[in-house]
Amino acid sequence: MSGFSPAWLALREPVDLAARNEDVETAFFAALGSQPMRIMDLASGAGSTVSALARHRSTSTEWLLTDYDLALLEVAGQRWQDRVTTRQIDLASDLEELPFAEVDAVTTSAFLDLVAEPFLVRLVDQVVKARKPFLASLTYDGRAVFTPQLPFDAALLAAHNTHQLSDKGFGPALGPAAAMRAIELFRDRGYKVVQGRSDWQADSSSADFLKELLGGWCNVGREVALDETELAQWWSQRQEHITSGQLTLSVGHVDFTALP
């Protein structure tokens, strides 16, 4: 799986950081204690999870960052240097090759909604087999609220949520159902789960992020053959709202930690 540019990840990182659920992260780190540790991050991209979780740790943490995209791993390595090691891996085929038993915990961010049910089961089984704490942040759950609202919002959101179910390299994705399914799987295996919302909140301070995000949604609308005239009118209005600072957008995400 690839396809996320460093420029897009840089735009969304401040929004991600503000959205992450501090109560969930606090529960995760409370279970780990204060000793130095090694954490493995899955689908690490440019290393935003390291940036986000550094605020919780005063003791040293070593990171193993894993991703298929070498360019993003290079960015992460440059950002964090001696704090991280990186490993290129095709998670879809080679997940079981990762050293789950040799790390203290496993994390991932903005990833689970991209994977299929069989992969999610494999992931949960690896974490549980190794008896490791797990933190999943920023899993999209299908909600979005625009202010001001437009009649076409619902059609475009429905199209986006349908597109989220397409194959992202792991088989047909779970999309908005992923977080709740993962929580169910961990609980079925005897793990305790702490969960909470981590919704994106975007406004005039994140105009470039909004333009990139909603431009992508427009592309999805074209792919699924929404009415081109309505789509163009919607996008024109939304660009005006962004430029004038009128638009605010909340996009639903879920954070959870699963603890043995």
C-alpha atoms as a PDB file:
ATOM      1  CA  MET A   1       0.000   0.000   0.000  1.00  0.00           C
ATOM      2  CA  SER A   2       1.237   3.476  -0.849  1.00  0.00           C
ATOM      3  CA  GLY A   3      -0.166   6.640  -2.400  1.00  0.00           C
ATOM      4  CA  PHE A   4       0.151   9.167   0.441  1.00  0.00           C
ATOM      5  CA  SER A   5       2.467  12.026  -0.464  1.00  0.00           C
ATOM      6  CA  PRO A   6       4.781  13.689   2.072  1.00  0.00           C
ATOM      7  CA  ALA A   7       3.080  17.010   1.248  1.00  0.00           C
ATOM      8  CA  TRP A   8      -0.382  15.671   2.145  1.00  0.00           C
ATOM      9  CA  LEU A   9       0.881  14.021   5.329  1.00  0.00           C
ATOM     10  CA  ALA A  10       2.523  17.296   6.369  1.00  0.00           C
ATOM     11  CA  LEU A  11      -0.753  19.159   5.809  1.00  0.00           C
ATOM     12  CA  ARG A  12      -2.770  16.749   7.902  1.00  0.00           C
ATOM     13  CA  GLU A  13      -0.292  16.226  10.747  1.00  0.00           C
ATOM     14  CA  PRO A  14      -1.326  19.349  12.756  1.00  0.00           C
ATOM     15  CA  VAL A  15      -4.995  18.363  12.385  1.00  0.00           C
ATOM     16  CA  ASP A  16      -4.176  14.809  13.441  1.00  0.00           C
ATOM     17  CA  LEU A  17      -2.213  15.975  16.463  1.00  0.00           C
ATOM     18  CA  ALA A  18      -5.054  18.187  17.680  1.00  0.00           C
ATOM     19  CA  ALA A  19      -7.605  15.402  17.186  1.00  0.00           C
ATOM     20  CA  ARG A  20      -5.913  12.545  19.009  1.00  0.00           C
ATOM     21  CA  ASN A  21      -7.719  11.405  22.156  1.00  0.00           C
ATOM     22  CA  GLU A  22      -5.526  12.190  25.154  1.00  0.00           C
ATOM     23  CA  ASP A  23      -7.500   9.952  27.532  1.00  0.00           C
ATOM     24  CA  VAL A  24      -6.934   6.938  25.297  1.00  0.00           C
ATOM     25  CA  GLU A  25      -3.226   7.694  24.950  1.00  0.00           C
ATOM     26  CA  THR A  26      -2.905   8.206  28.704  1.00  0.00           C
ATOM     27  CA  ALA A  27      -4.468   4.779  29.334  1.00  0.00           C
ATOM     28  CA  PHE A  28      -2.045   3.216  26.854  1.00  0.00           C
ATOM     29  CA  PHE A  29       1.021   4.698  28.521  1.00  0.00           C
ATOM     30  CA  ALA A  30      -0.265   3.999  32.028  1.00  0.00           C
ATOM     31  CA  ALA A  31      -0.296   0.316  31.110  1.00  0.00           C
ATOM     32  CA  LEU A  32       3.301   0.522  29.882  1.00  0.00           C
ATOM     33  CA  GLY A  33       4.825   2.214  32.903  1.00  0.00           C
ATOM     34  CA  SER A  34       7.748   4.633  32.947  1.00  0.00           C
ATOM     35  CA  GLN A  35      10.678   2.408  31.951  1.00  0.00           C
ATOM     36  CA  PRO A  36      12.524   2.868  28.650  1.00  0.00           C
ATOM     37  CA  MET A  37      10.820   0.917  25.922  1.00  0.00           C
ATOM     38  CA  ARG A  38      10.673  -0.008  22.264  1.00  0.00           C
ATOM     39  CA  ILE A  39       7.471   0.603  20.293  1.00  0.00           C
ATOM     40  CA  MET A  40       6.677  -0.735  16.831  1.00  0.00           C
ATOM     41  CA  ASP A  41       4.525   1.481  14.623  1.00  0.00           C
ATOM     42  CA  LEU A  42       2.660  -0.042  11.661  1.00  0.00           C
ATOM     43  CA  ALA A  43       2.141   1.867   8.389  1.00  0.00           C
ATOM     44  CA  SER A  44       4.264   4.652   9.842  1.00  0.00           C
ATOM     45  CA  GLY A  45       4.347   7.010   6.877  1.00  0.00           C
ATOM     46  CA  ALA A  46       6.501  10.025   7.700  1.00  0.00           C
ATOM     47  CA  GLY A  47       6.535   9.269  11.428  1.00  0.00           C
ATOM     48  CA  SER A  48       3.686  11.388  12.758  1.00  0.00           C
ATOM     49  CA  THR A  49       2.949   8.846  15.513  1.00  0.00           C
ATOM     50  CA  VAL A  50       6.394   9.496  16.996  1.00  0.00           C
ATOM     51  CA  SER A  51       5.646  13.215  17.069  1.00  0.00           C
ATOM     52  CA  ALA A  52       2.231  12.690  18.644  1.00  0.00           C
ATOM     53  CA  LEU A  53       3.258  10.312  21.402  1.00  0.00           C
ATOM     54  CA  ALA A  54       6.484  12.042  22.395  1.00  0.00           C
ATOM     55  CA  ARG A  55       4.426  14.405  24.574  1.00  0.00           C
ATOM     56  CA  HIS A  56       3.504  11.484  26.851  1.00  0.00           C
ATOM     57  CA  ARG A  57       7.002  10.187  27.512  1.00  0.00           C
ATOM     58  CA  SER A  58       9.748  11.701  29.632  1.00  0.00           C
ATOM     59  CA  THR A  59      11.802   8.483  29.535  1.00  0.00           C
ATOM     60  CA  SER A  60      13.510   7.210  26.419  1.00  0.00           C
ATOM     61  CA  THR A  61      11.543   5.423  23.714  1.00  0.00           C
ATOM     62  CA  GLU A  62      13.014   3.653  20.716  1.00  0.00           C
ATOM     63  CA  TRP A  63      10.797   3.251  17.669  1.00  0.00           C
ATOM     64  CA  LEU A  64      10.660   0.658  14.916  1.00  0.00           C
ATOM     65  CA  LEU A  65       8.795   2.302  12.038  1.00  0.00           C
ATOM     66  CA  THR A  66       7.354   0.043   9.351  1.00  0.00           C
ATOM     67  CA  ASP A  67       5.919   0.972   5.973  1.00  0.00           C
ATOM     68  CA  TYR A  68       6.000  -0.099   2.326  1.00  0.00           C
ATOM     69  CA  ASP A  69       6.872   3.392   1.100  1.00  0.00           C
ATOM     70  CA  LEU A  70      10.642   3.901   1.254  1.00  0.00           C
ATOM     71  CA  ALA A  71      10.391   7.629   0.519  1.00  0.00           C
ATOM     72  CA  LEU A  72       8.175   8.189   3.563  1.00  0.00           C
ATOM     73  CA  LEU A  73      10.433   6.068   5.754  1.00  0.00           C
ATOM     74  CA  GLU A  74      13.375   8.203   4.653  1.00  0.00           C
ATOM     75  CA  VAL A  75      11.479  11.332   5.699  1.00  0.00           C
ATOM     76  CA  ALA A  76      10.743   9.740   9.079  1.00  0.00           C
ATOM     77  CA  GLY A  77      14.363   8.713   9.518  1.00  0.00           C
ATOM     78  CA  GLN A  78      15.570  12.239   8.772  1.00  0.00           C
ATOM     79  CA  ARG A  79      13.062  13.726  11.215  1.00  0.00           C
ATOM     80  CA  TRP A  80      13.864  11.464  14.142  1.00  0.00           C
ATOM     81  CA  GLN A  81      17.384  10.184  13.335  1.00  0.00           C
ATOM     82  CA  ASP A  82      18.761   8.140  16.244  1.00  0.00           C
ATOM     83  CA  ARG A  83      15.339   7.738  17.891  1.00  0.00           C
ATOM     84  CA  VAL A  84      14.012   5.436  15.174  1.00  0.00           C
ATOM     85  CA  THR A  85      14.918   2.508  13.017  1.00  0.00           C
ATOM     86  CA  THR A  86      12.916   1.854   9.881  1.00  0.00           C
ATOM     87  CA  ARG A  87      11.886  -1.283   8.056  1.00  0.00           C
ATOM     88  CA  GLN A  88      10.343  -1.463   4.623  1.00  0.00           C
ATOM     89  CA  ILE A  89       7.744  -4.215   4.534  1.00  0.00           C
ATOM     90  CA  ASP A  90       4.636  -5.251   2.649  1.00  0.00           C
ATOM     91  CA  LEU A  91       2.318  -5.565   5.628  1.00  0.00           C
ATOM     92  CA  ALA A  92      -0.354  -7.310   3.576  1.00  0.00           C
ATOM     93  CA  SER A  93       1.856 -10.305   2.817  1.00  0.00           C
ATOM     94  CA  ASP A  94       4.570 -10.205   5.476  1.00  0.00           C
ATOM     95  CA  LEU A  95       2.906  -9.015   8.702  1.00  0.00           C
ATOM     96  CA  GLU A  96       3.906 -12.160  10.580  1.00  0.00           C
ATOM     97  CA  GLU A  97       7.594 -11.439   9.910  1.00  0.00           C
ATOM     98  CA  LEU A  98       7.549  -8.420  12.213  1.00  0.00           C
ATOM     99  CA  PRO A  99       9.056  -8.797  15.718  1.00  0.00           C
ATOM    100  CA  PHE A 100       5.883  -8.481  17.795  1.00  0.00           C
ATOM    101  CA  ALA A 101       7.450 -10.482  20.630  1.00  0.00           C
ATOM    102  CA  GLU A 102      10.558  -8.264  20.763  1.00  0.00           C
ATOM    103  CA  VAL A 103       8.872  -4.883  21.328  1.00  0.00           C
ATOM    104  CA  ASP A 104       6.998  -3.482  24.315  1.00  0.00           C
ATOM    105  CA  ALA A 105       3.942  -2.200  22.435  1.00  0.00           C
ATOM    106  CA  VAL A 106       2.422  -1.766  18.971  1.00  0.00           C
ATOM    107  CA  THR A 107       0.854   1.370  17.516  1.00  0.00           C
ATOM    108  CA  THR A 108      -0.715   2.529  14.275  1.00  0.00           C
ATOM    109  CA  SER A 109      -2.383   5.714  13.054  1.00  0.00           C
ATOM    110  CA  ALA A 110      -4.909   6.349  10.265  1.00  0.00           C
ATOM    111  CA  PHE A 111      -4.515   2.800   9.003  1.00  0.00           C
ATOM    112  CA  LEU A 112      -7.160   0.313  10.156  1.00  0.00           C
ATOM    113  CA  ASP A 113      -9.948   1.731   7.959  1.00  0.00           C
ATOM    114  CA  LEU A 114      -7.803   0.848   4.919  1.00  0.00           C
ATOM    115  CA  VAL A 115      -7.524  -2.880   5.662  1.00  0.00           C
ATOM    116  CA  ALA A 116      -9.767  -5.894   5.058  1.00  0.00           C
ATOM    117  CA  GLU A 117     -11.290  -8.164   7.678  1.00  0.00           C
ATOM    118  CA  PRO A 118      -8.826 -11.076   7.165  1.00  0.00           C
ATOM    119  CA  PHE A 119      -5.844  -8.763   7.623  1.00  0.00           C
ATOM    120  CA  LEU A 120      -7.368  -7.196  10.728  1.00  0.00           C
ATOM    121  CA  VAL A 121      -7.863 -10.646  12.247  1.00  0.00           C
ATOM    122  CA  ARG A 122      -4.225 -11.504  11.486  1.00  0.00           C
ATOM    123  CA  LEU A 123      -3.059  -8.278  13.107  1.00  0.00           C
ATOM    124  CA  VAL A 124      -5.142  -8.759  16.246  1.00  0.00           C
ATOM    125  CA  ASP A 125      -3.933 -12.356  16.521  1.00  0.00           C
ATOM    126  CA  GLN A 126      -0.276 -11.290  16.308  1.00  0.00           C
ATOM    127  CA  VAL A 127      -0.720  -8.616  18.998  1.00  0.00           C
ATOM    128  CA  VAL A 128      -2.629 -10.965  21.305  1.00  0.00           C
ATOM    129  CA  LYS A 129      -0.216 -13.857  20.765  1.00  0.00           C
ATOM    130  CA  ALA A 130       2.644 -11.587  21.867  1.00  0.00           C
ATOM    131  CA  ARG A 131       0.537 -10.146  24.755  1.00  0.00           C
ATOM    132  CA  LYS A 132       1.364  -6.564  23.778  1.00  0.00           C
ATOM    133  CA  PRO A 133      -0.559  -3.322  24.394  1.00  0.00           C
ATOM    134  CA  PHE A 134      -1.925  -1.855  21.173  1.00  0.00           C
ATOM    135  CA  LEU A 135      -2.856   1.731  20.300  1.00  0.00           C
ATOM    136  CA  ALA A 136      -4.815   2.562  17.137  1.00  0.00           C
ATOM    137  CA  SER A 137      -5.323   6.260  16.482  1.00  0.00           C
ATOM    138  CA  LEU A 138      -7.394   8.211  13.957  1.00  0.00           C
ATOM    139  CA  THR A 139      -9.438   5.436  12.392  1.00  0.00           C
ATOM    140  CA  TYR A 140     -12.081   7.038  10.159  1.00  0.00           C
ATOM    141  CA  ASP A 141     -15.649   6.158  11.182  1.00  0.00           C
ATOM    142  CA  GLY A 142     -17.800   7.626   8.391  1.00  0.00           C
ATOM    143  CA  ARG A 143     -19.052  10.837  10.022  1.00  0.00           C
ATOM    144  CA  ALA A 144     -18.611  14.353   8.639  1.00  0.00           C
ATOM    145  CA  VAL A 145     -20.367  17.613   9.540  1.00  0.00           C
ATOM    146  CA  PHE A 146     -20.018  20.744   7.406  1.00  0.00           C
ATOM    147  CA  THR A 147     -20.832  24.270   8.563  1.00  0.00           C
ATOM    148  CA  PRO A 148     -22.455  25.816   6.597  1.00  0.00           C
ATOM    149  CA  GLN A 149     -24.258  22.807   5.167  1.00  0.00           C
ATOM    150  CA  LEU A 150     -25.065  22.292   1.497  1.00  0.00           C
ATOM    151  CA  PRO A 151     -27.669  19.912   0.037  1.00  0.00           C
ATOM    152  CA  PHE A 152     -24.977  17.977  -1.879  1.00  0.00           C
ATOM    153  CA  ASP A 153     -22.938  17.201   1.268  1.00  0.00           C
ATOM    154  CA  ALA A 154     -24.845  13.982   1.986  1.00  0.00           C
ATOM    155  CA  ALA A 155     -24.404  12.566  -1.508  1.00  0.00           C
ATOM    156  CA  LEU A 156     -20.687  13.272  -1.512  1.00  0.00           C
ATOM    157  CA  LEU A 157     -20.187  11.828   1.972  1.00  0.00           C
ATOM    158  CA  ALA A 158     -22.057   8.672   0.939  1.00  0.00           C
ATOM    159  CA  ALA A 159     -19.858   8.381  -2.145  1.00  0.00           C
ATOM    160  CA  HIS A 160     -16.729   8.859  -0.042  1.00  0.00           C
ATOM    161  CA  ASN A 161     -17.809   6.203   2.458  1.00  0.00           C
ATOM    162  CA  THR A 162     -18.560   3.751  -0.341  1.00  0.00           C
ATOM    163  CA  HIS A 163     -15.156   4.438  -1.872  1.00  0.00           C
ATOM    164  CA  GLN A 164     -13.551   3.736   1.515  1.00  0.00           C
ATOM    165  CA  LEU A 165     -14.666   0.112   1.107  1.00  0.00           C
ATOM    166  CA  SER A 166     -12.560  -0.394  -2.019  1.00  0.00           C
ATOM    167  CA  ASP A 167      -9.322  -2.392  -2.041  1.00  0.00           C
ATOM    168  CA  LYS A 168      -6.391  -0.384  -0.646  1.00  0.00           C
ATOM    169  CA  GLY A 169      -3.934  -3.240  -1.057  1.00  0.00           C
ATOM    170  CA  PHE A 170      -5.346  -5.536   1.633  1.00  0.00           C
ATOM    171  CA  GLY A 171      -8.591  -6.642  -0.003  1.00  0.00           C
ATOM    172  CA  PRO A 172     -11.989  -4.914   0.288  1.00  0.00           C
ATOM    173  CA  ALA A 173     -11.486  -2.424   3.111  1.00  0.00           C
ATOM    174  CA  LEU A 174     -13.545  -2.273   6.280  1.00  0.00           C
ATOM    175  CA  GLY A 175     -13.694   1.502   5.974  1.00  0.00           C
ATOM    176  CA  PRO A 176     -15.908   3.191   8.580  1.00  0.00           C
ATOM    177  CA  ALA A 177     -16.607  -0.146  10.318  1.00  0.00           C
ATOM    178  CA  ALA A 178     -12.950  -0.869  11.052  1.00  0.00           C
ATOM    179  CA  ALA A 179     -12.534   0.603  14.528  1.00  0.00           C
ATOM    180  CA  MET A 180     -15.584  -1.083  16.019  1.00  0.00           C
ATOM    181  CA  ARG A 181     -14.661  -4.397  14.406  1.00  0.00           C
ATOM    182  CA  ALA A 182     -11.126  -4.198  15.790  1.00  0.00           C
ATOM    183  CA  ILE A 183     -12.442  -3.391  19.261  1.00  0.00           C
ATOM    184  CA  GLU A 184     -14.793  -6.379  19.061  1.00  0.00           C
ATOM    185  CA  LEU A 185     -11.954  -8.697  18.038  1.00  0.00           C
ATOM    186  CA  PHE A 186      -9.717  -7.584  20.897  1.00  0.00           C
ATOM    187  CA  ARG A 187     -12.496  -7.901  23.448  1.00  0.00           C
ATOM    188  CA  ASP A 188     -13.359 -11.385  22.175  1.00  0.00           C
ATOM    189  CA  ARG A 189      -9.757 -12.355  22.928  1.00  0.00           C
ATOM    190  CA  GLY A 190      -9.895 -11.058  26.489  1.00  0.00           C
ATOM    191  CA  TYR A 191      -8.291  -7.641  26.043  1.00  0.00           C
ATOM    192  CA  LYS A 192      -9.528  -4.547  27.863  1.00  0.00           C
ATOM    193  CA  VAL A 193     -10.342  -1.685  25.481  1.00  0.00           C
ATOM    194  CA  VAL A 194     -10.440   2.058  26.176  1.00  0.00           C
ATOM    195  CA  GLN A 195     -11.914   4.074  23.305  1.00  0.00           C
ATOM    196  CA  GLY A 196     -12.873   7.633  22.448  1.00  0.00           C
ATOM    197  CA  ARG A 197     -13.499  10.003  19.579  1.00  0.00           C
ATOM    198  CA  SER A 198     -10.654  11.761  17.801  1.00  0.00           C
ATOM    199  CA  ASP A 199     -12.512  13.886  15.260  1.00  0.00           C
ATOM    200  CA  TRP A 200     -10.691  16.196  12.889  1.00  0.00           C
ATOM    201  CA  GLN A 201     -11.699  19.836  13.432  1.00  0.00           C
ATOM    202  CA  ALA A 202     -10.747  22.029  10.479  1.00  0.00           C
ATOM    203  CA  ASP A 203     -11.458  25.721   9.943  1.00  0.00           C
ATOM    204  CA  SER A 204      -9.864  28.833   8.458  1.00  0.00           C
ATOM    205  CA  SER A 205      -6.586  28.036  10.191  1.00  0.00           C
ATOM    206  CA  SER A 206      -6.257  24.879   8.097  1.00  0.00           C
ATOM    207  CA  ALA A 207      -7.417  26.201   4.705  1.00  0.00           C
ATOM    208  CA  ASP A 208      -4.778  24.347   2.679  1.00  0.00           C
ATOM    209  CA  PHE A 209      -5.704  21.090   4.403  1.00  0.00           C
ATOM    210  CA  LEU A 210      -9.401  21.661   3.612  1.00  0.00           C
ATOM    211  CA  LYS A 211      -8.688  22.385  -0.054  1.00  0.00           C
ATOM    212  CA  GLU A 212      -6.621  19.224  -0.423  1.00  0.00           C
ATOM    213  CA  LEU A 213      -9.058  17.040   1.503  1.00  0.00           C
ATOM    214  CA  LEU A 214     -12.206  18.212  -0.251  1.00  0.00           C
ATOM    215  CA  GLY A 215     -10.498  18.251  -3.620  1.00  0.00           C
ATOM    216  CA  GLY A 216      -9.844  14.568  -3.040  1.00  0.00           C
ATOM    217  CA  TRP A 217     -13.482  14.034  -2.155  1.00  0.00           C
ATOM    218  CA  CYS A 218     -14.430  15.669  -5.453  1.00  0.00           C
ATOM    219  CA  ASN A 219     -12.198  13.241  -7.296  1.00  0.00           C
ATOM    220  CA  VAL A 220     -14.001  10.388  -5.560  1.00  0.00           C
ATOM    221  CA  GLY A 221     -17.317  11.906  -6.637  1.00  0.00           C
ATOM    222  CA  ARG A 222     -16.154  11.831 -10.252  1.00  0.00           C
ATOM    223  CA  GLU A 223     -14.946   8.250  -9.916  1.00  0.00           C
ATOM    224  CA  VAL A 224     -18.367   7.079  -8.742  1.00  0.00           C
ATOM    225  CA  ALA A 225     -20.133   9.176 -11.405  1.00  0.00           C
ATOM    226  CA  LEU A 226     -21.971  11.691  -9.256  1.00  0.00           C
ATOM    227  CA  ASP A 227     -23.722  14.400 -11.261  1.00  0.00           C
ATOM    228  CA  GLU A 228     -20.900  16.527 -12.691  1.00  0.00           C
ATOM    229  CA  THR A 229     -22.868  19.772 -12.667  1.00  0.00           C
ATOM    230  CA  GLU A 230     -23.893  19.397  -9.018  1.00  0.00           C
ATOM    231  CA  LEU A 231     -20.385  18.338  -8.081  1.00  0.00           C
ATOM    232  CA  ALA A 232     -18.801  21.344  -9.793  1.00  0.00           C
ATOM    233  CA  GLN A 233     -21.276  23.709  -8.145  1.00  0.00           C
ATOM    234  CA  TRP A 234     -20.603  22.174  -4.730  1.00  0.00           C
ATOM    235  CA  TRP A 235     -16.848  22.464  -5.150  1.00  0.00           C
ATOM    236  CA  SER A 236     -17.108  26.070  -6.295  1.00  0.00           C
ATOM    237  CA  GLN A 237     -19.172  26.956  -3.224  1.00  0.00           C
ATOM    238  CA  ARG A 238     -16.843  25.081  -0.880  1.00  0.00           C
ATOM    239  CA  GLN A 239     -13.780  26.828  -2.288  1.00  0.00           C
ATOM    240  CA  GLU A 240     -15.495  30.164  -1.675  1.00  0.00           C
ATOM    241  CA  HIS A 241     -16.298  29.097   1.891  1.00  0.00           C
ATOM    242  CA  ILE A 242     -12.675  28.066   2.480  1.00  0.00           C
ATOM    243  CA  THR A 243     -11.234  31.259   1.002  1.00  0.00           C
ATOM    244  CA  SER A 244     -13.577  33.466   3.023  1.00  0.00           C
ATOM    245  CA  GLY A 245     -12.945  31.529   6.244  1.00  0.00           C
ATOM    246  CA  GLN A 246     -16.601  30.476   6.583  1.00  0.00           C
ATOM    247  CA  LEU A 247     -16.127  26.726   6.391  1.00  0.00           C
ATOM    248  CA  THR A 248     -15.669  24.460   9.386  1.00  0.00           C
ATOM    249  CA  LEU A 249     -15.558  20.695   9.026  1.00  0.00           C
ATOM    250  CA  SER A 250     -15.622  17.903  11.582  1.00  0.00           C
ATOM    251  CA  VAL A 251     -14.595  14.446  10.326  1.00  0.00           C
ATOM    252  CA  GLY A 252     -15.248  11.499  12.603  1.00  0.00           C
ATOM    253  CA  HIS A 253     -12.416   9.294  13.863  1.00  0.00           C
ATOM    254  CA  VAL A 254     -11.996   6.830  16.699  1.00  0.00           C
ATOM    255  CA  ASP A 255      -8.960   6.146  18.920  1.00  0.00           C
ATOM    256  CA  PHE A 256      -8.668   3.037  21.060  1.00  0.00           C
ATOM    257  CA  THR A 257      -6.108   1.167  23.087  1.00  0.00           C
ATOM    258  CA  ALA A 258      -6.363  -2.581  23.651  1.00  0.00           C
ATOM    259  CA  LEU A 259      -4.593  -3.874  26.771  1.00  0.00           C
ATOM    260  CA  PRO A 260      -3.817  -7.478  27.788  1.00  0.00           C
END
